[in-house]
C-alpha atoms as a PDB file:
ATOM      1  CA  MET A   1      51.046 114.412 118.802  1.00  0.00           C
ATOM      2  CA  PHE A   2      52.947 117.007 117.117  1.00  0.00           C
ATOM      3  CA  ALA A   3      52.586 114.617 113.735  1.00  0.00           C
ATOM      4  CA  LYS A   4      52.226 111.661 112.018  1.00  0.00           C
ATOM      5  CA  VAL A   5      54.401 110.255 109.246  1.00  0.00           C
ATOM      6  CA  ASP A   6      52.748 108.009 107.338  1.00  0.00           C
ATOM      7  CA  PHE A   7      55.118 105.904 104.835  1.00  0.00           C
ATOM      8  CA  ALA A   8      53.081 103.566 103.691  1.00  0.00           C
ATOM      9  CA  ARG A   9      50.617 106.013 102.387  1.00  0.00           C
ATOM     10  CA  GLY A  10      53.295 107.813 100.834  1.00  0.00           C
ATOM     11  CA  ALA A  11      54.820 105.403  98.397  1.00  0.00           C
ATOM     12  CA  ALA A  12      51.320 104.692  97.705  1.00  0.00           C
ATOM     13  CA  THR A  13      51.148 108.239  95.963  1.00  0.00           C
ATOM     14  CA  MET A  14      54.242 106.908  93.769  1.00  0.00           C
ATOM     15  CA  ASP A  15      52.541 103.626  93.491  1.00  0.00           C
ATOM     16  CA  GLU A  16      54.477 101.621  95.562  1.00  0.00           C
ATOM     17  CA  THR A  17      53.761  99.020  98.329  1.00  0.00           C
ATOM     18  CA  LEU A  18      55.155  99.148 101.556  1.00  0.00           C
ATOM     19  CA  ARG A  19      54.307  97.500 105.195  1.00  0.00           C
ATOM     20  CA  PRO A  20      52.756 100.019 107.517  1.00  0.00           C
ATOM     21  CA  THR A  21      56.023 101.851 108.680  1.00  0.00           C
ATOM     22  CA  THR A  22      54.775 105.225 110.570  1.00  0.00           C
ATOM     23  CA  VAL A  23      56.433 107.991 112.743  1.00  0.00           C
ATOM     24  CA  VAL A  24      54.631 109.770 115.315  1.00  0.00           C
ATOM     25  CA  ILE A  25      56.268 113.179 116.877  1.00  0.00           C
ATOM     26  CA  PHE A  26      55.389 114.492 119.883  1.00  0.00           C
ATOM     27  CA  GLY A  27      56.335 115.492 123.473  1.00  0.00           C
ATOM     28  CA  SER A  28      55.535 117.834 126.147  1.00  0.00           C
ATOM     29  CA  PRO A  29      57.710 121.593 125.857  1.00  0.00           C
ATOM     30  CA  LYS A  30      57.610 122.220 129.189  1.00  0.00           C
ATOM     31  CA  ILE A  31      60.059 118.517 129.518  1.00  0.00           C
ATOM     32  CA  GLY A  32      61.638 119.760 126.391  1.00  0.00           C
ATOM     33  CA  SER A  33      62.622 123.292 127.744  1.00  0.00           C
ATOM     34  CA  THR A  34      63.543 121.349 131.577  1.00  0.00           C
ATOM     35  CA  ALA A  35      66.065 119.153 129.077  1.00  0.00           C
ATOM     36  CA  LEU A  36      67.126 121.920 126.797  1.00  0.00           C
ATOM     37  CA  GLN A  37      68.326 124.220 129.576  1.00  0.00           C
ATOM     38  CA  GLU A  38      71.181 121.939 130.568  1.00  0.00           C
ATOM     39  CA  GLY A  39      72.026 120.185 127.640  1.00  0.00           C
ATOM     40  CA  GLN A  40      71.001 122.315 124.212  1.00  0.00           C
ATOM     41  CA  THR A  41      72.403 120.263 121.542  1.00  0.00           C
ATOM     42  CA  MET A  42      69.606 117.859 123.060  1.00  0.00           C
ATOM     43  CA  ALA A  43      67.458 119.489 120.971  1.00  0.00           C
ATOM     44  CA  LEU A  44      69.012 117.072 117.686  1.00  0.00           C
ATOM     45  CA  TYR A  45      66.100 114.677 119.774  1.00  0.00           C
ATOM     46  CA  LEU A  46      63.712 116.616 120.235  1.00  0.00           C
ATOM     47  CA  PRO A  47      60.380 116.466 119.906  1.00  0.00           C
ATOM     48  CA  LEU A  48      60.550 112.936 121.138  1.00  0.00           C
ATOM     49  CA  ARG A  49      59.579 110.424 118.175  1.00  0.00           C
ATOM     50  CA  ILE A  50      58.376 106.703 117.644  1.00  0.00           C
ATOM     51  CA  GLN A  51      59.023 104.245 114.697  1.00  0.00           C
ATOM     52  CA  PHE A  52      55.654 101.911 114.709  1.00  0.00           C
ATOM     53  CA  PHE A  53      56.454  99.360 112.091  1.00  0.00           C
ATOM     54  CA  GLU A  54      54.490  95.996 110.858  1.00  0.00           C
ATOM     55  CA  ASP A  55      57.201  93.604 109.845  1.00  0.00           C
ATOM     56  CA  ALA A  56      56.621  90.511 106.824  1.00  0.00           C
ATOM     57  CA  SER A  57      54.593  88.399 109.860  1.00  0.00           C
ATOM     58  CA  GLY A  58      51.953  91.071 110.713  1.00  0.00           C
ATOM     59  CA  GLN A  59      53.845  91.754 113.981  1.00  0.00           C
ATOM     60  CA  THR A  60      53.999  94.799 115.410  1.00  0.00           C
ATOM     61  CA  TRP A  61      57.136  96.822 116.468  1.00  0.00           C
ATOM     62  CA  ALA A  62      58.275 100.135 118.524  1.00  0.00           C
ATOM     63  CA  SER A  63      61.613 101.450 117.474  1.00  0.00           C
ATOM     64  CA  TYR A  64      63.069 105.230 119.359  1.00  0.00           C
ATOM     65  CA  GLU A  65      66.347 106.263 120.679  1.00  0.00           C
ATOM     66  CA  ASP A  66      66.294 106.067 124.013  1.00  0.00           C
ATOM     67  CA  PRO A  67      66.986 109.090 125.754  1.00  0.00           C
ATOM     68  CA  THR A  68      68.900 108.087 128.793  1.00  0.00           C
ATOM     69  CA  VAL A  69      71.944 107.059 126.404  1.00  0.00           C
ATOM     70  CA  VAL A  70      71.840 109.201 123.869  1.00  0.00           C
ATOM     71  CA  ALA A  71      71.129 112.542 126.693  1.00  0.00           C
ATOM     72  CA  PRO A  72      74.832 112.042 128.505  1.00  0.00           C
ATOM     73  CA  SER A  73      76.516 112.838 124.853  1.00  0.00           C
ATOM     74  CA  HIS A  74      74.645 116.150 125.132  1.00  0.00           C
ATOM     75  CA  GLY A  75      75.684 117.095 128.884  1.00  0.00           C
ATOM     76  CA  LEU A  76      72.661 115.826 130.343  1.00  0.00           C
ATOM     77  CA  ALA A  77      72.965 112.746 133.050  1.00  0.00           C
ATOM     78  CA  ALA A  78      70.817 109.855 132.372  1.00  0.00           C
ATOM     79  CA  SER A  79      69.400 109.904 135.300  1.00  0.00           C
ATOM     80  CA  ASN A  80      68.296 113.964 134.414  1.00  0.00           C
ATOM     81  CA  ALA A  81      64.358 114.042 135.401  1.00  0.00           C
ATOM     82  CA  ALA A  82      63.268 115.188 132.150  1.00  0.00           C
ATOM     83  CA  VAL A  83      65.118 112.617 130.608  1.00  0.00           C
ATOM     84  CA  GLN A  84      63.496 110.313 132.565  1.00  0.00           C
ATOM     85  CA  LYS A  85      60.026 111.299 132.326  1.00  0.00           C
ATOM     86  CA  MET A  86      61.185 111.360 128.254  1.00  0.00           C
ATOM     87  CA  GLN A  87      62.305 107.662 128.564  1.00  0.00           C
ATOM     88  CA  ALA A  88      59.158 106.730 130.653  1.00  0.00           C
ATOM     89  CA  ALA A  89      56.722 108.789 127.834  1.00  0.00           C
ATOM     90  CA  LEU A  90      58.284 106.572 124.699  1.00  0.00           C
ATOM     91  CA  LEU A  91      57.942 103.095 127.097  1.00  0.00           C
ATOM     92  CA  GLY A  92      54.376 103.943 127.678  1.00  0.00           C
ATOM     93  CA  PHE A  93      53.182 105.062 124.411  1.00  0.00           C
ATOM     94  CA  SER A  94      55.154 102.230 122.792  1.00  0.00           C
ATOM     95  CA  THR A  95      53.736  99.858 125.106  1.00  0.00           C
ATOM     96  CA  ILE A  96      50.385 100.781 124.376  1.00  0.00           C
ATOM     97  CA  ALA A  97      50.258 100.886 120.748  1.00  0.00           C
ATOM     98  CA  THR A  98      51.848  97.502 119.881  1.00  0.00           C
ATOM     99  CA  GLY A  99      49.647  95.842 123.185  1.00  0.00           C
ATOM    100  CA  SER A 100      53.042  94.647 124.283  1.00  0.00           C
END
């Protein structure tokens, strides 16, 4: 994990309230570098990031850009090994964090 951005905490510093909303930024330089060798503009989506947020009923959700959807517009096939590893990492991390 490279960074965690806690939007609710930031809102609190301005006397505002916000349900839990956090973006986690993470990745593997080895996987990212491999992908960028073939599609350098994919760097716009790296490192990987997931938004976790709590809805009004208290359920936690995860949201992210699917690299297999984004990659082809950057010259990488959705089946590219690095892209597949990115997708697996995003899915795995979001599943663990949300419990679903």
